[in-house]
Amino acid sequence: MFAKILVAVDKSAMNRNVFAKAIKLAKDNDSDLMFLHVLSVEEQGSPMPYIPSMTQYYPGTSSELNIEVWQEQWQEFQKEGLEMLQAFAAEARKADLQVEYRQVAGSPSRNVCTIAREWQADLIVIGRRGRSGLSEMLLGSVSNYVVHHAPCSVLIVQEEAKN
């Protein structure tokens, strides 16, 4: 039923649930998997975006130094994302699944839909953190956007209820 499953992952605590659901679906349907991580300043744990005008409020700071620090933090963020993808891919391969992975930078919601379309995915598996109200309005909801713009079916893995 699902020949190609795109699995959108980030560094949140939900990753394990999203991964487990995708692996089960892939085994049940003999599907190929693609793990996708979108590097974004919106992601939990990402370096704060560098804003050059902030340096004018801190006398004695060098904007070049701030840019270098931010670039180092961003490179570490990229490296951690790639390591996460490689670990997921290795674990999925141990389960005899065909796997690929990809890391891109930009808007998570738009990139998930674009890559699903390009890769011709039959299903997108994505987590949902349960943002609502003001936080959803300001930060957006990646899963909500994907549901409304995806070229295929979408499975949303809910965050586990906190007791």
C-alpha atoms as a PDB file:
ATOM      1  CA  MET A   1       0.000   0.000   0.000  1.00  0.00           C
ATOM      2  CA  PHE A   2       2.789   2.454   0.878  1.00  0.00           C
ATOM      3  CA  ALA A   3       5.845   1.834  -1.303  1.00  0.00           C
ATOM      4  CA  LYS A   4       7.696   4.977  -0.163  1.00  0.00           C
ATOM      5  CA  ILE A   5       7.451   6.501   3.289  1.00  0.00           C
ATOM      6  CA  LEU A   6       8.996   9.886   4.061  1.00  0.00           C
ATOM      7  CA  VAL A   7       9.772  10.255   7.772  1.00  0.00           C
ATOM      8  CA  ALA A   8      10.176  13.850   8.950  1.00  0.00           C
ATOM      9  CA  VAL A   9      12.362  13.959  12.056  1.00  0.00           C
ATOM     10  CA  ASP A  10      13.824  16.617  14.289  1.00  0.00           C
ATOM     11  CA  LYS A  11      15.705  16.594  17.565  1.00  0.00           C
ATOM     12  CA  SER A  12      12.627  16.593  19.764  1.00  0.00           C
ATOM     13  CA  ALA A  13      11.782  13.915  22.300  1.00  0.00           C
ATOM     14  CA  MET A  14       9.085  12.646  19.911  1.00  0.00           C
ATOM     15  CA  ASN A  15      11.673  11.281  17.494  1.00  0.00           C
ATOM     16  CA  ARG A  16      11.622   7.779  18.966  1.00  0.00           C
ATOM     17  CA  ASN A  17       7.830   7.520  18.567  1.00  0.00           C
ATOM     18  CA  VAL A  18       7.925   8.795  14.992  1.00  0.00           C
ATOM     19  CA  PHE A  19      10.804   6.438  14.164  1.00  0.00           C
ATOM     20  CA  ALA A  20       9.098   3.402  15.730  1.00  0.00           C
ATOM     21  CA  LYS A  21       5.822   4.047  13.887  1.00  0.00           C
ATOM     22  CA  ALA A  22       7.642   4.486  10.572  1.00  0.00           C
ATOM     23  CA  ILE A  23       9.668   1.288  11.030  1.00  0.00           C
ATOM     24  CA  LYS A  24       6.536  -0.729  11.809  1.00  0.00           C
ATOM     25  CA  LEU A  25       4.714   0.673   8.781  1.00  0.00           C
ATOM     26  CA  ALA A  26       7.696   0.046   6.520  1.00  0.00           C
ATOM     27  CA  LYS A  27       7.987  -3.575   7.677  1.00  0.00           C
ATOM     28  CA  ASP A  28       4.239  -4.182   7.327  1.00  0.00           C
ATOM     29  CA  ASN A  29       4.140  -2.696   3.813  1.00  0.00           C
ATOM     30  CA  ASP A  30       7.622  -3.646   2.556  1.00  0.00           C
ATOM     31  CA  SER A  31       8.267   0.064   2.034  1.00  0.00           C
ATOM     32  CA  ASP A  32      11.349   2.129   1.285  1.00  0.00           C
ATOM     33  CA  LEU A  33      12.082   4.837   3.847  1.00  0.00           C
ATOM     34  CA  MET A  34      13.558   8.283   3.595  1.00  0.00           C
ATOM     35  CA  PHE A  35      14.433  10.075   6.812  1.00  0.00           C
ATOM     36  CA  LEU A  36      14.330  13.841   6.400  1.00  0.00           C
ATOM     37  CA  HIS A  37      15.722  16.440   8.778  1.00  0.00           C
ATOM     38  CA  VAL A  38      15.158  20.101   7.962  1.00  0.00           C
ATOM     39  CA  LEU A  39      17.652  22.465   9.561  1.00  0.00           C
ATOM     40  CA  SER A  40      15.723  25.441  10.808  1.00  0.00           C
ATOM     41  CA  VAL A  41      16.089  28.159  13.422  1.00  0.00           C
ATOM     42  CA  GLU A  42      12.583  27.120  14.547  1.00  0.00           C
ATOM     43  CA  GLU A  43      13.848  23.738  15.717  1.00  0.00           C
ATOM     44  CA  GLN A  44      14.381  23.064  19.386  1.00  0.00           C
ATOM     45  CA  GLY A  45      18.107  23.297  20.146  1.00  0.00           C
ATOM     46  CA  SER A  46      19.061  25.276  17.055  1.00  0.00           C
ATOM     47  CA  PRO A  47      21.447  28.218  17.430  1.00  0.00           C
ATOM     48  CA  MET A  48      19.693  31.531  17.745  1.00  0.00           C
ATOM     49  CA  PRO A  49      19.662  33.336  14.421  1.00  0.00           C
ATOM     50  CA  TYR A  50      22.458  35.849  13.987  1.00  0.00           C
ATOM     51  CA  ILE A  51      21.073  39.383  13.757  1.00  0.00           C
ATOM     52  CA  PRO A  52      23.818  41.892  12.920  1.00  0.00           C
ATOM     53  CA  SER A  53      21.978  44.866  14.424  1.00  0.00           C
ATOM     54  CA  MET A  54      22.150  43.237  17.880  1.00  0.00           C
ATOM     55  CA  THR A  55      25.887  43.959  18.076  1.00  0.00           C
ATOM     56  CA  GLN A  56      25.322  47.702  18.216  1.00  0.00           C
ATOM     57  CA  TYR A  57      23.790  47.284  21.694  1.00  0.00           C
ATOM     58  CA  TYR A  58      26.898  45.601  23.085  1.00  0.00           C
ATOM     59  CA  PRO A  59      29.841  47.984  22.956  1.00  0.00           C
ATOM     60  CA  GLY A  60      33.171  46.300  22.479  1.00  0.00           C
ATOM     61  CA  THR A  61      31.779  43.253  20.662  1.00  0.00           C
ATOM     62  CA  SER A  62      32.880  42.456  17.193  1.00  0.00           C
ATOM     63  CA  SER A  63      30.227  41.533  14.684  1.00  0.00           C
ATOM     64  CA  GLU A  64      32.812  39.313  12.946  1.00  0.00           C
ATOM     65  CA  LEU A  65      33.401  37.407  16.165  1.00  0.00           C
ATOM     66  CA  ASN A  66      29.640  36.981  16.644  1.00  0.00           C
ATOM     67  CA  ILE A  67      29.264  35.687  13.100  1.00  0.00           C
ATOM     68  CA  GLU A  68      32.089  33.195  13.654  1.00  0.00           C
ATOM     69  CA  VAL A  69      30.546  31.938  16.892  1.00  0.00           C
ATOM     70  CA  TRP A  70      27.154  31.555  15.217  1.00  0.00           C
ATOM     71  CA  GLN A  71      28.723  29.710  12.241  1.00  0.00           C
ATOM     72  CA  GLU A  72      30.462  27.278  14.593  1.00  0.00           C
ATOM     73  CA  GLN A  73      27.207  26.653  16.463  1.00  0.00           C
ATOM     74  CA  TRP A  74      25.321  26.139  13.184  1.00  0.00           C
ATOM     75  CA  GLN A  75      27.959  23.690  11.899  1.00  0.00           C
ATOM     76  CA  GLU A  76      27.658  21.701  15.130  1.00  0.00           C
ATOM     77  CA  PHE A  77      23.861  21.736  14.739  1.00  0.00           C
ATOM     78  CA  GLN A  78      24.240  20.400  11.173  1.00  0.00           C
ATOM     79  CA  LYS A  79      26.645  17.697  12.329  1.00  0.00           C
ATOM     80  CA  GLU A  80      24.297  16.555  15.102  1.00  0.00           C
ATOM     81  CA  GLY A  81      21.411  16.377  12.623  1.00  0.00           C
ATOM     82  CA  LEU A  82      23.439  14.288  10.201  1.00  0.00           C
ATOM     83  CA  GLU A  83      24.538  11.936  12.983  1.00  0.00           C
ATOM     84  CA  MET A  84      20.892  11.516  14.029  1.00  0.00           C
ATOM     85  CA  LEU A  85      19.907  10.633  10.453  1.00  0.00           C
ATOM     86  CA  GLN A  86      22.786   8.182  10.089  1.00  0.00           C
ATOM     87  CA  ALA A  87      21.819   6.450  13.348  1.00  0.00           C
ATOM     88  CA  PHE A  88      18.179   6.123  12.249  1.00  0.00           C
ATOM     89  CA  ALA A  89      19.234   4.793   8.851  1.00  0.00           C
ATOM     90  CA  ALA A  90      21.602   2.236  10.391  1.00  0.00           C
ATOM     91  CA  GLU A  91      18.917   1.001  12.774  1.00  0.00           C
ATOM     92  CA  ALA A  92      16.370   0.710   9.941  1.00  0.00           C
ATOM     93  CA  ARG A  93      18.863  -1.192   7.776  1.00  0.00           C
ATOM     94  CA  LYS A  94      19.322  -3.706  10.600  1.00  0.00           C
ATOM     95  CA  ALA A  95      15.593  -4.368  10.189  1.00  0.00           C
ATOM     96  CA  ASP A  96      16.282  -5.176   6.487  1.00  0.00           C
ATOM     97  CA  LEU A  97      14.656  -2.000   5.191  1.00  0.00           C
ATOM     98  CA  GLN A  98      15.750   0.062   2.196  1.00  0.00           C
ATOM     99  CA  VAL A  99      16.674   3.461   3.590  1.00  0.00           C
ATOM    100  CA  GLU A 100      17.997   6.799   2.508  1.00  0.00           C
ATOM    101  CA  TYR A 101      18.264  10.067   4.376  1.00  0.00           C
ATOM    102  CA  ARG A 102      18.502  13.722   3.579  1.00  0.00           C
ATOM    103  CA  GLN A 103      19.197  16.930   5.474  1.00  0.00           C
ATOM    104  CA  VAL A 104      18.263  20.311   4.044  1.00  0.00           C
ATOM    105  CA  ALA A 105      17.968  23.825   5.440  1.00  0.00           C
ATOM    106  CA  GLY A 106      14.926  26.046   5.285  1.00  0.00           C
ATOM    107  CA  SER A 107      11.249  25.950   6.145  1.00  0.00           C
ATOM    108  CA  PRO A 108      10.396  22.547   7.652  1.00  0.00           C
ATOM    109  CA  SER A 109       6.785  22.528   6.468  1.00  0.00           C
ATOM    110  CA  ARG A 110       7.522  23.514   2.883  1.00  0.00           C
ATOM    111  CA  ASN A 111      10.564  21.266   2.580  1.00  0.00           C
ATOM    112  CA  VAL A 112       8.673  18.203   3.836  1.00  0.00           C
ATOM    113  CA  CYS A 113       6.012  18.723   1.161  1.00  0.00           C
ATOM    114  CA  THR A 114       8.498  19.544  -1.606  1.00  0.00           C
ATOM    115  CA  ILE A 115      10.706  16.540  -0.923  1.00  0.00           C
ATOM    116  CA  ALA A 116       7.688  14.242  -0.599  1.00  0.00           C
ATOM    117  CA  ARG A 117       6.583  15.426  -4.034  1.00  0.00           C
ATOM    118  CA  GLU A 118      10.054  15.073  -5.604  1.00  0.00           C
ATOM    119  CA  TRP A 119      10.656  11.630  -4.076  1.00  0.00           C
ATOM    120  CA  GLN A 120       7.084  10.570  -4.923  1.00  0.00           C
ATOM    121  CA  ALA A 121       6.302   9.481  -1.376  1.00  0.00           C
ATOM    122  CA  ASP A 122       3.084   7.590  -0.717  1.00  0.00           C
ATOM    123  CA  LEU A 123       3.011   8.540   2.958  1.00  0.00           C
ATOM    124  CA  ILE A 124       4.568  11.144   5.242  1.00  0.00           C
ATOM    125  CA  VAL A 125       5.080  10.247   8.910  1.00  0.00           C
ATOM    126  CA  ILE A 126       5.510  13.327  11.079  1.00  0.00           C
ATOM    127  CA  GLY A 127       5.259  14.183  14.761  1.00  0.00           C
ATOM    128  CA  ARG A 128       3.044  16.761  16.401  1.00  0.00           C
ATOM    129  CA  ARG A 129       3.984  18.608  19.562  1.00  0.00           C
ATOM    130  CA  GLY A 130       0.516  19.896  20.287  1.00  0.00           C
ATOM    131  CA  ARG A 131       1.128  23.613  20.005  1.00  0.00           C
ATOM    132  CA  SER A 132      -2.032  25.638  20.159  1.00  0.00           C
ATOM    133  CA  GLY A 133      -3.196  29.181  20.555  1.00  0.00           C
ATOM    134  CA  LEU A 134      -0.557  31.891  20.482  1.00  0.00           C
ATOM    135  CA  SER A 135       2.446  29.551  20.184  1.00  0.00           C
ATOM    136  CA  GLU A 136       0.928  27.892  17.106  1.00  0.00           C
ATOM    137  CA  MET A 137       0.115  31.275  15.596  1.00  0.00           C
ATOM    138  CA  LEU A 138       3.630  32.645  16.187  1.00  0.00           C
ATOM    139  CA  LEU A 139       5.692  29.501  15.588  1.00  0.00           C
ATOM    140  CA  GLY A 140       3.333  27.745  13.211  1.00  0.00           C
ATOM    141  CA  SER A 141       2.489  24.120  13.064  1.00  0.00           C
ATOM    142  CA  VAL A 142       4.590  22.068  10.685  1.00  0.00           C
ATOM    143  CA  SER A 143       2.237  19.084  10.874  1.00  0.00           C
ATOM    144  CA  ASN A 144      -0.809  21.270  10.177  1.00  0.00           C
ATOM    145  CA  TYR A 145       0.827  22.780   7.101  1.00  0.00           C
ATOM    146  CA  VAL A 146       1.918  19.345   5.860  1.00  0.00           C
ATOM    147  CA  VAL A 147      -1.595  17.892   6.253  1.00  0.00           C
ATOM    148  CA  HIS A 148      -3.007  20.686   4.103  1.00  0.00           C
ATOM    149  CA  HIS A 149      -0.272  20.803   1.431  1.00  0.00           C
ATOM    150  CA  ALA A 150       1.190  17.293   1.138  1.00  0.00           C
ATOM    151  CA  PRO A 151       1.000  15.467  -2.180  1.00  0.00           C
ATOM    152  CA  CYS A 152       0.197  12.187  -0.367  1.00  0.00           C
ATOM    153  CA  SER A 153      -1.304  10.739   2.790  1.00  0.00           C
ATOM    154  CA  VAL A 154       0.029  11.967   6.143  1.00  0.00           C
ATOM    155  CA  LEU A 155       0.271  10.092   9.426  1.00  0.00           C
ATOM    156  CA  ILE A 156       0.648  12.359  12.432  1.00  0.00           C
ATOM    157  CA  VAL A 157       2.229  10.800  15.493  1.00  0.00           C
ATOM    158  CA  GLN A 158       0.914  12.534  18.576  1.00  0.00           C
ATOM    159  CA  GLU A 159       3.095  13.448  21.510  1.00  0.00           C
ATOM    160  CA  GLU A 160       2.538  11.018  24.378  1.00  0.00           C
ATOM    161  CA  ALA A 161       0.205  12.311  27.045  1.00  0.00           C
ATOM    162  CA  LYS A 162       1.940  13.482  30.210  1.00  0.00           C
ATOM    163  CA  ASN A 163       0.491  11.901  33.323  1.00  0.00           C
END
